């Protein structure tokens, strides 16, 4: 393991970015709701997306310096895609939960289970997955362009260390599409008789809104 990490320092940076995400998020929310230091909280939360910039820059600098595009560079692209696509909703949920626990705010809303709200929710969540895949592919393409290796034929993606990440995510996107938004659209679950209609969660409460705006 030590030898692998020495040969692939980008893996350590990816791990550091993941740890940094949660440290900055936790510190930012603690500053907001425990210390009542809103300005400090905003600064800490603004630093969260800076981690993504650092990661993608390090990856591009690495290949520009002569390192061949590898599995690690593909992993960095996938990590960036997921943090951009899902980071906003993760921070919104954490902010709402923190506000509920320490500031008397409402609890995080549970995902809808029935009807049109459930359909809209599933499409929105799958859209995040598709966006993550698209961002990952875009970053992989840019990395290949910087390295001068170009785009291999689609049939050779699995054999390429970096492009294999794009190939791995393709079936995930398709299975998620069929199993959730498509299936829910064709056969939306019905609410039990007498239950109140559900609405899909769209925005954070006012107490949490500012914190979510500093992410994506």
Protein backbone atom coordinates (compact mmCIF):
# COMPACT_ATOMS: atom_id res chain seq x y z
CA UNK A 1 0.00 0.00 0.00
CA UNK A 2 2.79 2.41 0.89
CA UNK A 3 4.49 1.81 -2.43
CA UNK A 4 1.23 2.39 -4.30
CA UNK A 5 0.65 5.69 -2.51
CA UNK A 6 4.21 6.80 -3.20
CA UNK A 7 3.68 6.13 -6.89
CA UNK A 8 0.20 7.70 -6.89
CA UNK A 9 0.28 10.77 -4.64
CA UNK A 10 -2.93 11.99 -6.28
CA UNK A 11 -4.79 9.31 -4.30
CA UNK A 12 -3.61 10.97 -1.09
CA UNK A 13 -4.84 14.32 -2.38
CA UNK A 14 -8.27 12.84 -3.19
CA UNK A 15 -8.45 11.45 0.34
CA UNK A 16 -7.35 14.78 1.77
CA UNK A 17 -10.04 16.59 -0.24
CA UNK A 18 -12.72 14.23 1.07
CA UNK A 19 -11.59 14.74 4.66
CA UNK A 20 -11.31 18.47 4.05
CA UNK A 21 -14.87 18.60 2.72
CA UNK A 22 -16.32 17.24 5.94
CA UNK A 23 -13.96 19.20 8.19
CA UNK A 24 -14.80 22.51 6.51
CA UNK A 25 -18.50 21.68 6.41
CA UNK A 26 -18.58 20.74 10.08
CA UNK A 27 -16.51 23.75 11.10
CA UNK A 28 -18.63 26.11 9.01
CA UNK A 29 -21.90 24.86 10.48
CA UNK A 30 -20.48 24.86 14.01
CA UNK A 31 -19.34 28.46 13.54
CA UNK A 32 -22.80 29.42 12.31
CA UNK A 33 -25.02 27.70 14.84
CA UNK A 34 -22.80 27.24 17.89
CA UNK A 35 -20.53 30.30 17.81
CA UNK A 36 -23.05 32.53 15.99
CA UNK A 37 -20.13 33.67 13.83
CA UNK A 38 -21.91 34.00 10.48
CA UNK A 39 -19.02 35.70 8.68
CA UNK A 40 -16.54 33.00 9.74
CA UNK A 41 -19.07 30.35 8.77
CA UNK A 42 -19.45 31.84 5.29
CA UNK A 43 -15.67 31.93 4.80
CA UNK A 44 -15.29 28.29 5.83
CA UNK A 45 -18.11 27.13 3.58
CA UNK A 46 -16.78 29.14 0.64
CA UNK A 47 -13.51 27.22 1.02
CA UNK A 48 -15.29 23.91 0.39
CA UNK A 49 -15.44 24.21 -3.45
CA UNK A 50 -11.84 25.45 -3.44
CA UNK A 51 -10.87 21.85 -2.67
CA UNK A 52 -12.30 20.78 -6.03
CA UNK A 53 -10.25 23.43 -7.83
CA UNK A 54 -7.11 22.25 -6.05
CA UNK A 55 -7.77 18.62 -7.00
CA UNK A 56 -8.47 19.15 -10.70
CA UNK A 57 -5.54 21.57 -10.98
CA UNK A 58 -3.16 19.05 -9.40
CA UNK A 59 -4.40 16.34 -11.76
CA UNK A 60 -3.87 18.51 -14.86
CA UNK A 61 -0.46 19.71 -13.66
CA UNK A 62 0.56 16.10 -13.10
CA UNK A 63 -0.19 15.00 -16.67
CA UNK A 64 1.19 18.25 -18.08
CA UNK A 65 4.45 17.39 -16.32
CA UNK A 66 4.72 14.12 -18.22
CA UNK A 67 2.82 11.60 -16.11
CA UNK A 68 0.70 9.32 -18.32
CA UNK A 69 -3.06 9.51 -17.65
CA UNK A 70 -3.85 6.75 -15.20
CA UNK A 71 -6.53 5.19 -13.06
CA UNK A 72 -5.82 7.84 -10.43
CA UNK A 73 -6.49 10.73 -12.82
CA UNK A 74 -9.78 9.11 -13.77
CA UNK A 75 -10.67 8.72 -10.11
CA UNK A 76 -9.96 12.42 -9.54
CA UNK A 77 -12.35 13.28 -12.39
CA UNK A 78 -15.08 11.05 -10.94
CA UNK A 79 -14.61 12.52 -7.48
CA UNK A 80 -14.96 16.03 -8.88
CA UNK A 81 -18.11 15.04 -10.78
CA UNK A 82 -19.79 13.62 -7.70
CA UNK A 83 -18.87 16.51 -5.41
CA UNK A 84 -20.22 19.03 -7.92
CA UNK A 85 -23.42 17.09 -8.64
CA UNK A 86 -24.24 15.94 -5.10
CA UNK A 87 -22.34 18.40 -2.91
CA UNK A 88 -25.07 21.05 -2.87
CA UNK A 89 -27.77 18.69 -1.65
CA UNK A 90 -25.41 17.13 0.91
CA UNK A 91 -24.60 20.53 2.38
CA UNK A 92 -28.26 21.55 2.31
CA UNK A 93 -29.23 18.43 4.26
CA UNK A 94 -26.37 18.87 6.76
CA UNK A 95 -27.21 22.54 7.23
CA UNK A 96 -30.89 21.81 7.84
CA UNK A 97 -30.05 19.00 10.29
CA UNK A 98 -27.59 21.25 12.14
CA UNK A 99 -30.11 24.08 12.29
CA UNK A 100 -32.74 21.65 13.61
CA UNK A 101 -30.41 20.32 16.30
CA UNK A 102 -28.88 23.58 17.49
CA UNK A 103 -31.10 26.44 16.29
CA UNK A 104 -34.64 25.13 16.62
CA UNK A 105 -35.16 24.82 12.87
CA UNK A 106 -37.42 22.24 11.22
CA UNK A 107 -36.04 18.71 10.70
CA UNK A 108 -34.75 17.67 7.27
CA UNK A 109 -37.60 16.72 4.98
CA UNK A 110 -37.85 13.06 4.06
CA UNK A 111 -37.97 12.10 0.36
CA UNK A 112 -41.53 11.76 -0.97
CA UNK A 113 -42.85 8.24 -1.31
CA UNK A 114 -45.91 8.60 -3.54
CA UNK A 115 -47.38 10.15 -6.66
CA UNK A 116 -46.05 13.02 -8.75
CA UNK A 117 -43.75 14.22 -5.96
CA UNK A 118 -42.04 10.82 -5.91
CA UNK A 119 -41.64 10.86 -9.70
CA UNK A 120 -40.13 14.35 -9.67
CA UNK A 121 -37.79 13.41 -6.85
CA UNK A 122 -36.47 10.31 -8.65
CA UNK A 123 -35.86 12.24 -11.87
CA UNK A 124 -34.02 14.94 -9.97
CA UNK A 125 -31.79 12.44 -8.14
CA UNK A 126 -31.01 10.57 -11.35
CA UNK A 127 -30.23 13.91 -12.99
CA UNK A 128 -27.53 14.44 -10.38
CA UNK A 129 -26.02 11.08 -11.27
CA UNK A 130 -26.09 11.89 -14.97
CA UNK A 131 -24.51 15.28 -14.25
CA UNK A 132 -21.76 13.63 -12.19
CA UNK A 133 -21.01 11.28 -15.08
CA UNK A 134 -20.99 14.12 -17.58
CA UNK A 135 -18.63 16.23 -15.48
CA UNK A 136 -16.32 13.26 -14.96
CA UNK A 137 -16.19 12.62 -18.71
CA UNK A 138 -15.52 16.30 -19.39
CA UNK A 139 -12.62 16.38 -16.92
CA UNK A 140 -11.24 13.12 -18.34
CA UNK A 141 -11.43 14.62 -21.83
CA UNK A 142 -9.58 17.76 -20.70
CA UNK A 143 -6.96 15.62 -18.93
CA UNK A 144 -6.44 13.57 -22.09
CA UNK A 145 -6.15 16.76 -24.14
CA UNK A 146 -3.51 18.18 -21.79
CA UNK A 147 -1.62 14.88 -21.87
CA UNK A 148 -1.94 14.70 -25.66
CA UNK A 149 -3.36 11.17 -25.61
CA UNK A 150 -6.74 11.92 -27.21
CA UNK A 151 -9.99 10.00 -26.88
CA UNK A 152 -9.87 6.24 -27.51
CA UNK A 153 -12.70 4.51 -29.40
CA UNK A 154 -15.69 3.77 -27.17
CA UNK A 155 -15.03 0.04 -27.40
CA UNK A 156 -11.57 0.53 -25.90
CA UNK A 157 -12.61 2.59 -22.88
CA UNK A 158 -12.52 -0.38 -20.50
CA UNK A 159 -8.95 -1.15 -21.51
CA UNK A 160 -7.76 2.41 -20.92
CA UNK A 161 -6.80 3.14 -17.26
CA UNK A 162 -8.32 6.62 -17.17
CA UNK A 163 -11.24 6.28 -19.59
CA UNK A 164 -12.33 3.05 -17.90
CA UNK A 165 -13.91 5.22 -15.20
CA UNK A 166 -16.30 6.66 -17.76
CA UNK A 167 -17.12 3.14 -18.93
CA UNK A 168 -17.73 1.91 -15.38
CA UNK A 169 -20.20 4.68 -14.64
CA UNK A 170 -22.20 4.12 -17.83
CA UNK A 171 -24.08 1.01 -16.59
CA UNK A 172 -24.66 2.70 -13.22
CA UNK A 173 -26.36 5.63 -14.98
CA UNK A 174 -28.47 3.29 -17.12
CA UNK A 175 -29.51 0.97 -14.27
CA UNK A 176 -30.40 3.94 -12.08
CA UNK A 177 -32.46 5.39 -14.94
CA UNK A 178 -34.45 2.21 -15.54
CA UNK A 179 -34.84 1.16 -11.92
CA UNK A 180 -35.92 4.49 -10.47
CA UNK A 181 -37.11 7.47 -12.57
CA UNK A 182 -38.39 5.41 -15.53
CA UNK A 183 -40.02 2.73 -13.41
CA UNK A 184 -41.53 5.29 -11.04
CA UNK A 185 -42.89 7.27 -13.98
CA UNK A 186 -44.51 4.21 -15.54
CA UNK A 187 -45.86 2.87 -12.24
CA UNK A 188 -45.90 5.65 -9.63
CA UNK A 189 -46.64 4.35 -6.13
CA UNK A 190 -49.98 5.48 -4.79
CA UNK A 191 -50.49 6.96 -1.36
CA UNK A 192 -52.75 5.10 1.08
CA UNK A 193 -56.31 6.36 1.12
CA UNK A 194 -56.86 9.29 3.43
CA UNK A 195 -53.19 10.33 3.58
CA UNK A 196 -52.18 13.93 2.86
CA UNK A 197 -50.60 14.62 -0.55
CA UNK A 198 -46.83 14.89 -0.58
CA UNK A 199 -44.70 17.59 -2.14
CA UNK A 200 -41.15 17.13 -3.36
CA UNK A 201 -38.52 18.97 -1.27
CA UNK A 202 -37.17 21.79 -3.39
CA UNK A 203 -35.40 24.30 -1.17
CA UNK A 204 -33.85 24.60 2.25
CA UNK A 205 -35.56 26.54 5.03
CA UNK A 206 -34.63 30.21 5.36
CA UNK A 207 -32.29 29.44 8.26
CA UNK A 208 -30.24 27.13 6.03
CA UNK A 209 -30.45 28.89 2.67
CA UNK A 210 -27.32 31.05 2.95
CA UNK A 211 -25.11 28.08 3.73
CA UNK A 212 -26.31 26.17 0.67
CA UNK A 213 -25.69 29.12 -1.64
CA UNK A 214 -21.95 29.07 -1.05
CA UNK A 215 -21.62 25.55 -2.41
CA UNK A 216 -22.18 24.76 -6.13
